[in-house]
């Protein structure tokens, strides 16, 4: 899996993002996804995520994570193409995480910033893969899977 991490906030050195890649790999394995997928993660500040939320979701508010799935329509079907024996990478989509909001929530929930960022990464990744929490039954499934992935990686509450 190709994972591209952009840090517009300048809070992470490149070597500090390796664990994020490892966590998303655990999530990929848990979901039994193929290796030929890619996802991008961009860390932004509260102003930027509010702007994104307003522009794309018509919500003028700061949020913690926004996911833009490439295949977000139930009618979208991705067919893995082969070109001379090589598989083409499937783009799952993009995640935007507010670093500022992650700091606020880590403090509010009384756990580490790493745990909060891990939670937001997995939460957004699950959204990219069709999971949602619009109903109570969907929420139970998605949140249980989130906790399984975080626990398996070692980011327990």
N, C-alpha and C. Protein backbone atom coordinates (compact mmCIF):
# COMPACT_ATOMS: atom_id res chain seq x y z
N UNK A 1 0.85 -1.18 0.00
CA UNK A 1 0.00 0.00 0.00
C UNK A 1 0.89 1.23 0.00
N UNK A 2 0.55 2.17 -0.86
CA UNK A 2 1.26 3.45 -0.88
C UNK A 2 0.51 4.45 -0.02
N UNK A 3 1.22 5.03 0.94
CA UNK A 3 0.64 6.03 1.83
C UNK A 3 1.51 7.28 1.74
N UNK A 4 0.87 8.36 1.38
CA UNK A 4 1.57 9.63 1.25
C UNK A 4 1.08 10.54 2.37
N UNK A 5 2.00 11.05 3.17
CA UNK A 5 1.64 11.93 4.27
C UNK A 5 2.21 13.32 4.02
N UNK A 6 1.31 14.29 4.04
CA UNK A 6 1.69 15.71 3.90
C UNK A 6 1.41 16.38 5.23
N UNK A 7 2.35 17.20 5.67
CA UNK A 7 2.17 17.91 6.94
C UNK A 7 2.25 19.41 6.69
N UNK A 8 1.11 20.00 6.41
CA UNK A 8 1.08 21.45 6.19
C UNK A 8 1.30 22.22 7.48
N UNK A 9 1.19 21.56 8.63
CA UNK A 9 1.34 22.23 9.93
C UNK A 9 2.80 22.29 10.38
N UNK A 10 3.64 21.48 9.77
CA UNK A 10 5.08 21.40 10.12
C UNK A 10 5.31 20.91 11.55
N UNK A 11 4.41 20.05 12.05
CA UNK A 11 4.57 19.51 13.39
C UNK A 11 5.31 18.18 13.42
N UNK A 12 5.44 17.53 12.27
CA UNK A 12 6.08 16.22 12.22
C UNK A 12 7.31 16.25 11.33
N UNK A 13 8.35 15.61 11.82
CA UNK A 13 9.50 15.35 10.95
C UNK A 13 9.17 14.07 10.19
N UNK A 14 9.75 13.89 9.03
CA UNK A 14 9.43 12.74 8.19
C UNK A 14 9.58 11.42 8.94
N UNK A 15 10.62 11.31 9.76
CA UNK A 15 10.85 10.06 10.49
C UNK A 15 9.81 9.82 11.59
N UNK A 16 9.04 10.84 11.94
CA UNK A 16 8.02 10.70 12.97
C UNK A 16 6.69 10.18 12.42
N UNK A 17 6.60 10.02 11.11
CA UNK A 17 5.34 9.58 10.52
C UNK A 17 5.34 8.08 10.20
N UNK A 18 6.43 7.39 10.44
CA UNK A 18 6.51 5.97 10.14
C UNK A 18 5.46 5.15 10.86
N UNK A 19 5.19 5.48 12.11
CA UNK A 19 4.18 4.73 12.86
C UNK A 19 2.79 4.88 12.24
N UNK A 20 2.53 6.04 11.64
CA UNK A 20 1.22 6.26 11.01
C UNK A 20 1.05 5.31 9.82
N UNK A 21 2.11 5.16 9.06
CA UNK A 21 2.10 4.25 7.92
C UNK A 21 1.90 2.82 8.41
N UNK A 22 2.61 2.45 9.48
CA UNK A 22 2.47 1.11 10.05
C UNK A 22 1.04 0.86 10.53
N UNK A 23 0.43 1.84 11.17
CA UNK A 23 -0.94 1.70 11.66
C UNK A 23 -1.91 1.49 10.50
N UNK A 24 -1.76 2.26 9.44
CA UNK A 24 -2.65 2.10 8.29
C UNK A 24 -2.42 0.75 7.59
N UNK A 25 -1.20 0.24 7.67
CA UNK A 25 -0.93 -1.10 7.13
C UNK A 25 -1.70 -2.16 7.94
N UNK A 26 -1.74 -1.99 9.25
CA UNK A 26 -2.50 -2.91 10.10
C UNK A 26 -3.98 -2.85 9.71
N UNK A 27 -4.48 -1.64 9.50
CA UNK A 27 -5.89 -1.47 9.09
C UNK A 27 -6.14 -2.13 7.74
N UNK A 28 -5.21 -1.97 6.82
CA UNK A 28 -5.34 -2.59 5.48
C UNK A 28 -5.42 -4.10 5.61
N UNK A 29 -4.56 -4.67 6.44
CA UNK A 29 -4.56 -6.12 6.64
C UNK A 29 -5.86 -6.57 7.30
N UNK A 30 -6.33 -5.83 8.27
CA UNK A 30 -7.57 -6.17 8.97
C UNK A 30 -8.75 -6.20 8.00
N UNK A 31 -8.73 -5.30 7.01
CA UNK A 31 -9.82 -5.23 6.03
C UNK A 31 -9.58 -6.14 4.83
N UNK A 32 -8.47 -6.88 4.86
CA UNK A 32 -8.12 -7.77 3.75
C UNK A 32 -8.07 -7.06 2.40
N UNK A 33 -7.45 -5.89 2.39
CA UNK A 33 -7.34 -5.11 1.16
C UNK A 33 -6.09 -5.53 0.39
N UNK A 34 -6.15 -5.35 -0.90
CA UNK A 34 -5.00 -5.68 -1.74
C UNK A 34 -3.85 -4.70 -1.48
N UNK A 35 -2.66 -5.08 -1.91
CA UNK A 35 -1.48 -4.24 -1.71
C UNK A 35 -1.44 -3.06 -2.67
N UNK A 36 -2.17 -3.15 -3.77
CA UNK A 36 -2.09 -2.13 -4.82
C UNK A 36 -3.10 -1.01 -4.59
N UNK A 37 -3.08 -0.46 -3.37
CA UNK A 37 -3.94 0.68 -3.07
C UNK A 37 -3.08 1.83 -2.57
N UNK A 38 -3.64 3.03 -2.67
CA UNK A 38 -2.93 4.19 -2.14
C UNK A 38 -3.91 5.12 -1.45
N UNK A 39 -3.38 5.87 -0.51
CA UNK A 39 -4.17 6.85 0.23
C UNK A 39 -3.24 8.00 0.59
N UNK A 40 -3.79 9.21 0.63
CA UNK A 40 -2.99 10.34 1.09
C UNK A 40 -3.61 10.88 2.38
N UNK A 41 -2.73 11.36 3.25
CA UNK A 41 -3.13 11.96 4.53
C UNK A 41 -2.49 13.33 4.59
N UNK A 42 -3.29 14.34 4.84
CA UNK A 42 -2.77 15.71 4.95
C UNK A 42 -3.15 16.27 6.31
N UNK A 43 -2.15 16.71 7.06
CA UNK A 43 -2.38 17.38 8.33
C UNK A 43 -2.48 18.88 8.08
N UNK A 44 -3.58 19.46 8.57
CA UNK A 44 -3.84 20.88 8.38
C UNK A 44 -4.18 21.50 9.73
N UNK A 45 -4.34 22.82 9.75
CA UNK A 45 -4.75 23.49 10.98
C UNK A 45 -6.26 23.66 11.00
N UNK A 46 -6.79 24.21 12.10
CA UNK A 46 -8.24 24.35 12.24
C UNK A 46 -8.85 25.24 11.16
N UNK A 47 -8.14 26.31 10.79
CA UNK A 47 -8.67 27.21 9.76
C UNK A 47 -8.84 26.50 8.43
N UNK A 48 -7.86 25.69 8.06
CA UNK A 48 -7.90 24.99 6.77
C UNK A 48 -8.99 23.92 6.77
N UNK A 49 -9.11 23.15 7.85
CA UNK A 49 -10.13 22.10 7.84
C UNK A 49 -11.54 22.71 7.87
N UNK A 50 -11.67 23.85 8.51
CA UNK A 50 -12.96 24.56 8.49
C UNK A 50 -13.30 24.99 7.07
N UNK A 51 -12.31 25.50 6.37
CA UNK A 51 -12.49 25.92 4.98
C UNK A 51 -12.90 24.73 4.10
N UNK A 52 -12.22 23.60 4.27
CA UNK A 52 -12.54 22.39 3.51
C UNK A 52 -13.95 21.92 3.85
N UNK A 53 -14.29 21.91 5.13
CA UNK A 53 -15.60 21.48 5.58
C UNK A 53 -16.70 22.38 5.00
N UNK A 54 -16.45 23.67 4.97
CA UNK A 54 -17.42 24.63 4.44
C UNK A 54 -17.58 24.45 2.93
N UNK A 55 -16.47 24.31 2.24
CA UNK A 55 -16.50 24.23 0.78
C UNK A 55 -17.11 22.93 0.27
N UNK A 56 -16.75 21.82 0.88
CA UNK A 56 -17.15 20.52 0.35
C UNK A 56 -18.32 19.85 1.07
N UNK A 57 -18.59 20.29 2.30
CA UNK A 57 -19.67 19.65 3.06
C UNK A 57 -20.74 20.64 3.50
N UNK A 58 -20.59 21.90 3.13
CA UNK A 58 -21.53 22.96 3.52
C UNK A 58 -21.72 23.06 5.03
N UNK A 59 -20.64 22.79 5.77
CA UNK A 59 -20.67 22.91 7.22
C UNK A 59 -19.57 23.89 7.63
N UNK A 60 -19.97 25.03 8.16
CA UNK A 60 -19.02 26.07 8.55
C UNK A 60 -18.57 25.83 9.98
N UNK A 61 -17.78 24.77 10.16
CA UNK A 61 -17.31 24.40 11.50
C UNK A 61 -15.99 23.65 11.38
N UNK A 62 -15.23 23.73 12.44
CA UNK A 62 -13.99 22.95 12.55
C UNK A 62 -14.38 21.51 12.85
N UNK A 63 -13.71 20.57 12.21
CA UNK A 63 -13.91 19.15 12.50
C UNK A 63 -12.54 18.50 12.64
N UNK A 64 -12.51 17.25 13.05
CA UNK A 64 -11.22 16.60 13.29
C UNK A 64 -10.66 15.90 12.07
N UNK A 65 -11.51 15.21 11.31
CA UNK A 65 -11.03 14.48 10.13
C UNK A 65 -12.10 14.53 9.05
N UNK A 66 -11.67 14.69 7.83
CA UNK A 66 -12.55 14.65 6.66
C UNK A 66 -11.94 13.65 5.68
N UNK A 67 -12.79 12.78 5.17
CA UNK A 67 -12.32 11.80 4.19
C UNK A 67 -13.03 12.03 2.86
N UNK A 68 -12.26 11.94 1.81
CA UNK A 68 -12.78 12.04 0.45
C UNK A 68 -12.47 10.73 -0.26
N UNK A 69 -13.46 9.86 -0.30
CA UNK A 69 -13.28 8.57 -0.94
C UNK A 69 -13.43 8.71 -2.45
N UNK A 70 -12.55 8.07 -3.19
CA UNK A 70 -12.65 8.06 -4.64
C UNK A 70 -13.87 7.26 -5.06
N UNK A 71 -14.13 6.17 -4.35
CA UNK A 71 -15.24 5.28 -4.67
C UNK A 71 -16.34 5.45 -3.63
N UNK A 72 -16.88 6.65 -3.50
CA UNK A 72 -17.85 6.90 -2.45
C UNK A 72 -19.30 6.67 -2.87
N UNK A 73 -19.54 6.30 -4.10
CA UNK A 73 -20.88 6.04 -4.57
C UNK A 73 -21.09 4.54 -4.64
N UNK A 74 -22.23 4.07 -4.18
CA UNK A 74 -22.49 2.62 -4.20
C UNK A 74 -22.43 2.06 -5.61
N UNK A 75 -22.67 2.90 -6.62
CA UNK A 75 -22.65 2.43 -8.00
C UNK A 75 -21.24 2.38 -8.58
N UNK A 76 -20.27 2.98 -7.86
CA UNK A 76 -18.89 2.94 -8.34
C UNK A 76 -18.36 1.53 -8.18
N UNK A 77 -17.82 1.01 -9.24
CA UNK A 77 -17.21 -0.32 -9.19
C UNK A 77 -15.81 -0.17 -9.74
N UNK A 78 -14.85 -0.63 -8.98
CA UNK A 78 -13.46 -0.54 -9.44
C UNK A 78 -13.05 -1.89 -9.98
N UNK A 79 -12.58 -1.88 -11.18
CA UNK A 79 -12.07 -3.10 -11.78
C UNK A 79 -10.56 -2.97 -11.83
N UNK A 80 -9.87 -3.92 -11.22
CA UNK A 80 -8.42 -3.90 -11.22
C UNK A 80 -7.92 -4.22 -12.62
N UNK A 81 -7.24 -3.27 -13.20
CA UNK A 81 -6.73 -3.45 -14.56
C UNK A 81 -5.31 -3.97 -14.52
N UNK A 82 -4.95 -4.68 -15.52
CA UNK A 82 -3.58 -5.14 -15.64
C UNK A 82 -3.02 -4.62 -16.95
N UNK A 83 -1.82 -4.13 -16.89
CA UNK A 83 -1.14 -3.61 -18.06
C UNK A 83 0.19 -4.34 -18.15
N UNK A 84 0.31 -5.20 -19.12
CA UNK A 84 1.52 -6.00 -19.30
C UNK A 84 1.93 -6.70 -18.00
N UNK A 85 0.94 -7.30 -17.33
CA UNK A 85 1.23 -8.08 -16.14
C UNK A 85 1.37 -7.29 -14.86
N UNK A 86 1.27 -5.95 -14.92
CA UNK A 86 1.41 -5.14 -13.71
C UNK A 86 0.06 -4.58 -13.31
N UNK A 87 -0.22 -4.66 -12.02
CA UNK A 87 -1.48 -4.14 -11.52
C UNK A 87 -1.39 -2.62 -11.39
N UNK A 88 -2.50 -1.96 -11.64
CA UNK A 88 -2.58 -0.51 -11.51
C UNK A 88 -3.05 -0.19 -10.09
N UNK A 89 -2.44 0.80 -9.50
CA UNK A 89 -2.76 1.19 -8.14
C UNK A 89 -4.18 1.76 -8.06
N UNK A 90 -4.89 1.32 -7.04
CA UNK A 90 -6.26 1.79 -6.77
C UNK A 90 -6.18 2.90 -5.72
N UNK A 91 -6.62 4.08 -6.08
CA UNK A 91 -6.61 5.24 -5.17
C UNK A 91 -7.86 5.20 -4.30
N UNK A 92 -7.69 4.98 -3.00
CA UNK A 92 -8.83 4.97 -2.08
C UNK A 92 -9.38 6.36 -1.84
N UNK A 93 -8.48 7.35 -1.77
CA UNK A 93 -8.92 8.71 -1.52
C UNK A 93 -7.95 9.46 -0.62
N UNK A 94 -8.47 10.53 -0.04
CA UNK A 94 -7.65 11.46 0.74
C UNK A 94 -8.27 11.70 2.12
N UNK A 95 -7.40 11.80 3.10
CA UNK A 95 -7.80 12.17 4.46
C UNK A 95 -7.20 13.51 4.80
N UNK A 96 -7.98 14.36 5.46
CA UNK A 96 -7.50 15.62 6.00
C UNK A 96 -7.75 15.59 7.49
N UNK A 97 -6.69 15.79 8.27
CA UNK A 97 -6.78 15.75 9.73
C UNK A 97 -6.33 17.08 10.29
N UNK A 98 -7.15 17.64 11.18
CA UNK A 98 -6.76 18.87 11.86
C UNK A 98 -5.84 18.52 13.02
N UNK A 99 -4.60 18.95 12.89
CA UNK A 99 -3.64 18.72 13.98
C UNK A 99 -4.11 19.44 15.24
N UNK A 100 -4.59 20.69 15.08
CA UNK A 100 -5.04 21.47 16.23
C UNK A 100 -6.18 20.77 16.97
N UNK A 101 -7.14 20.25 16.20
CA UNK A 101 -8.29 19.57 16.80
C UNK A 101 -7.84 18.27 17.48
N UNK A 102 -6.88 17.59 16.89
CA UNK A 102 -6.35 16.37 17.50
C UNK A 102 -5.72 16.67 18.86
N UNK A 103 -4.98 17.79 18.94
CA UNK A 103 -4.37 18.19 20.21
C UNK A 103 -5.47 18.48 21.24
N UNK A 104 -6.48 19.23 20.83
CA UNK A 104 -7.61 19.57 21.72
C UNK A 104 -8.30 18.31 22.23
N UNK A 105 -8.59 17.38 21.32
CA UNK A 105 -9.33 16.18 21.69
C UNK A 105 -8.50 15.24 22.55
N UNK A 106 -7.21 15.15 22.30
CA UNK A 106 -6.35 14.30 23.13
C UNK A 106 -6.40 14.78 24.57
N UNK A 107 -6.34 16.10 24.74
CA UNK A 107 -6.41 16.67 26.08
C UNK A 107 -7.79 16.43 26.70
N UNK A 108 -8.83 16.67 25.91
CA UNK A 108 -10.20 16.50 26.39
C UNK A 108 -10.49 15.06 26.81
N UNK A 109 -10.00 14.08 26.03
CA UNK A 109 -10.28 12.67 26.31
C UNK A 109 -9.25 12.04 27.25
N UNK A 110 -8.21 12.78 27.58
CA UNK A 110 -7.23 12.31 28.54
C UNK A 110 -6.33 11.20 28.03
N UNK A 111 -6.04 11.21 26.73
CA UNK A 111 -5.06 10.25 26.22
C UNK A 111 -4.01 10.98 25.38
N UNK A 112 -3.05 10.24 24.90
CA UNK A 112 -1.92 10.85 24.19
C UNK A 112 -2.34 11.39 22.82
N UNK A 113 -1.54 12.31 22.33
CA UNK A 113 -1.75 12.85 21.00
C UNK A 113 -1.59 11.74 19.96
N UNK A 114 -0.65 10.84 20.19
CA UNK A 114 -0.45 9.72 19.27
C UNK A 114 -1.71 8.86 19.19
N UNK A 115 -2.35 8.59 20.31
CA UNK A 115 -3.59 7.81 20.32
C UNK A 115 -4.69 8.53 19.54
N UNK A 116 -4.80 9.83 19.74
CA UNK A 116 -5.84 10.59 19.05
C UNK A 116 -5.60 10.64 17.55
N UNK A 117 -4.37 10.87 17.14
CA UNK A 117 -4.05 10.88 15.72
C UNK A 117 -4.28 9.49 15.13
N UNK A 118 -3.89 8.47 15.86
CA UNK A 118 -4.14 7.10 15.40
C UNK A 118 -5.62 6.83 15.21
N UNK A 119 -6.42 7.27 16.17
CA UNK A 119 -7.87 7.12 16.07
C UNK A 119 -8.40 7.81 14.81
N UNK A 120 -7.96 9.03 14.58
CA UNK A 120 -8.45 9.79 13.42
C UNK A 120 -7.99 9.16 12.11
N UNK A 121 -6.77 8.66 12.08
CA UNK A 121 -6.29 7.96 10.88
C UNK A 121 -7.15 6.75 10.56
N UNK A 122 -7.39 5.91 11.56
CA UNK A 122 -8.18 4.70 11.35
C UNK A 122 -9.63 5.05 11.02
N UNK A 123 -10.17 6.02 11.73
CA UNK A 123 -11.55 6.44 11.48
C UNK A 123 -11.72 6.89 10.02
N UNK A 124 -10.83 7.76 9.58
CA UNK A 124 -10.90 8.24 8.20
C UNK A 124 -10.67 7.13 7.19
N UNK A 125 -9.72 6.24 7.49
CA UNK A 125 -9.42 5.12 6.59
C UNK A 125 -10.64 4.21 6.43
N UNK A 126 -11.35 3.97 7.52
CA UNK A 126 -12.55 3.15 7.44
C UNK A 126 -13.62 3.83 6.59
N UNK A 127 -13.74 5.14 6.73
CA UNK A 127 -14.68 5.87 5.86
C UNK A 127 -14.31 5.70 4.39
N UNK A 128 -13.02 5.75 4.09
CA UNK A 128 -12.57 5.58 2.70
C UNK A 128 -12.94 4.20 2.15
N UNK A 129 -13.15 3.27 3.06
CA UNK A 129 -13.47 1.90 2.67
C UNK A 129 -14.94 1.56 2.86
N UNK A 130 -15.77 2.59 2.93
CA UNK A 130 -17.21 2.39 2.93
C UNK A 130 -17.89 2.25 4.27
N UNK A 131 -17.14 2.33 5.36
CA UNK A 131 -17.75 2.25 6.69
C UNK A 131 -18.32 3.62 7.06
N UNK A 132 -19.40 3.60 7.83
CA UNK A 132 -20.02 4.84 8.25
C UNK A 132 -20.67 4.65 9.61
N UNK A 133 -21.17 5.72 10.17
CA UNK A 133 -21.81 5.66 11.49
C UNK A 133 -23.07 6.52 11.51
N UNK A 134 -23.83 6.44 10.41
CA UNK A 134 -25.06 7.20 10.32
C UNK A 134 -26.19 6.56 11.12
N UNK A 135 -26.14 5.26 11.30
CA UNK A 135 -27.14 4.57 12.12
C UNK A 135 -26.41 3.90 13.29
N UNK A 136 -27.17 3.52 14.29
CA UNK A 136 -26.59 2.88 15.47
C UNK A 136 -25.92 1.56 15.11
N UNK A 137 -26.52 0.79 14.21
CA UNK A 137 -25.92 -0.49 13.83
C UNK A 137 -24.61 -0.28 13.06
N UNK A 138 -24.58 0.72 12.18
CA UNK A 138 -23.34 1.04 11.45
C UNK A 138 -22.27 1.52 12.43
N UNK A 139 -22.68 2.35 13.37
CA UNK A 139 -21.73 2.89 14.35
C UNK A 139 -21.10 1.77 15.17
N UNK A 140 -21.90 0.82 15.62
CA UNK A 140 -21.37 -0.29 16.42
C UNK A 140 -20.32 -1.07 15.64
N UNK A 141 -20.62 -1.35 14.39
CA UNK A 141 -19.68 -2.10 13.55
C UNK A 141 -18.39 -1.31 13.34
N UNK A 142 -18.54 -0.04 12.93
CA UNK A 142 -17.36 0.78 12.62
C UNK A 142 -16.50 1.03 13.86
N UNK A 143 -17.13 1.39 14.97
CA UNK A 143 -16.36 1.71 16.17
C UNK A 143 -15.68 0.49 16.77
N UNK A 144 -16.34 -0.66 16.69
CA UNK A 144 -15.72 -1.89 17.18
C UNK A 144 -14.48 -2.22 16.33
N UNK A 145 -14.60 -2.07 15.03
CA UNK A 145 -13.47 -2.33 14.14
C UNK A 145 -12.33 -1.35 14.39
N UNK A 146 -12.66 -0.08 14.62
CA UNK A 146 -11.64 0.92 14.97
C UNK A 146 -10.85 0.48 16.18
N UNK A 147 -11.56 0.10 17.23
CA UNK A 147 -10.90 -0.30 18.47
C UNK A 147 -10.05 -1.55 18.28
N UNK A 148 -10.54 -2.50 17.50
CA UNK A 148 -9.76 -3.71 17.21
C UNK A 148 -8.43 -3.35 16.55
N UNK A 149 -8.49 -2.47 15.56
CA UNK A 149 -7.28 -2.07 14.83
C UNK A 149 -6.33 -1.33 15.74
N UNK A 150 -6.85 -0.38 16.50
CA UNK A 150 -6.00 0.40 17.41
C UNK A 150 -5.38 -0.49 18.48
N UNK A 151 -6.17 -1.41 19.04
CA UNK A 151 -5.65 -2.34 20.05
C UNK A 151 -4.58 -3.24 19.46
N UNK A 152 -4.86 -3.76 18.25
CA UNK A 152 -3.90 -4.65 17.59
C UNK A 152 -2.57 -3.93 17.35
N UNK A 153 -2.64 -2.66 17.02
CA UNK A 153 -1.41 -1.89 16.80
C UNK A 153 -0.75 -1.52 18.13
N UNK A 154 -1.52 -1.46 19.20
CA UNK A 154 -0.96 -1.12 20.50
C UNK A 154 -1.32 0.27 20.98
N UNK A 155 -2.30 0.89 20.36
CA UNK A 155 -2.75 2.22 20.80
C UNK A 155 -4.05 2.08 21.59
N UNK A 156 -3.91 1.50 22.77
CA UNK A 156 -5.06 1.29 23.63
C UNK A 156 -5.38 2.57 24.39
N UNK A 157 -6.62 2.65 24.85
CA UNK A 157 -7.03 3.84 25.63
C UNK A 157 -6.31 3.90 26.95
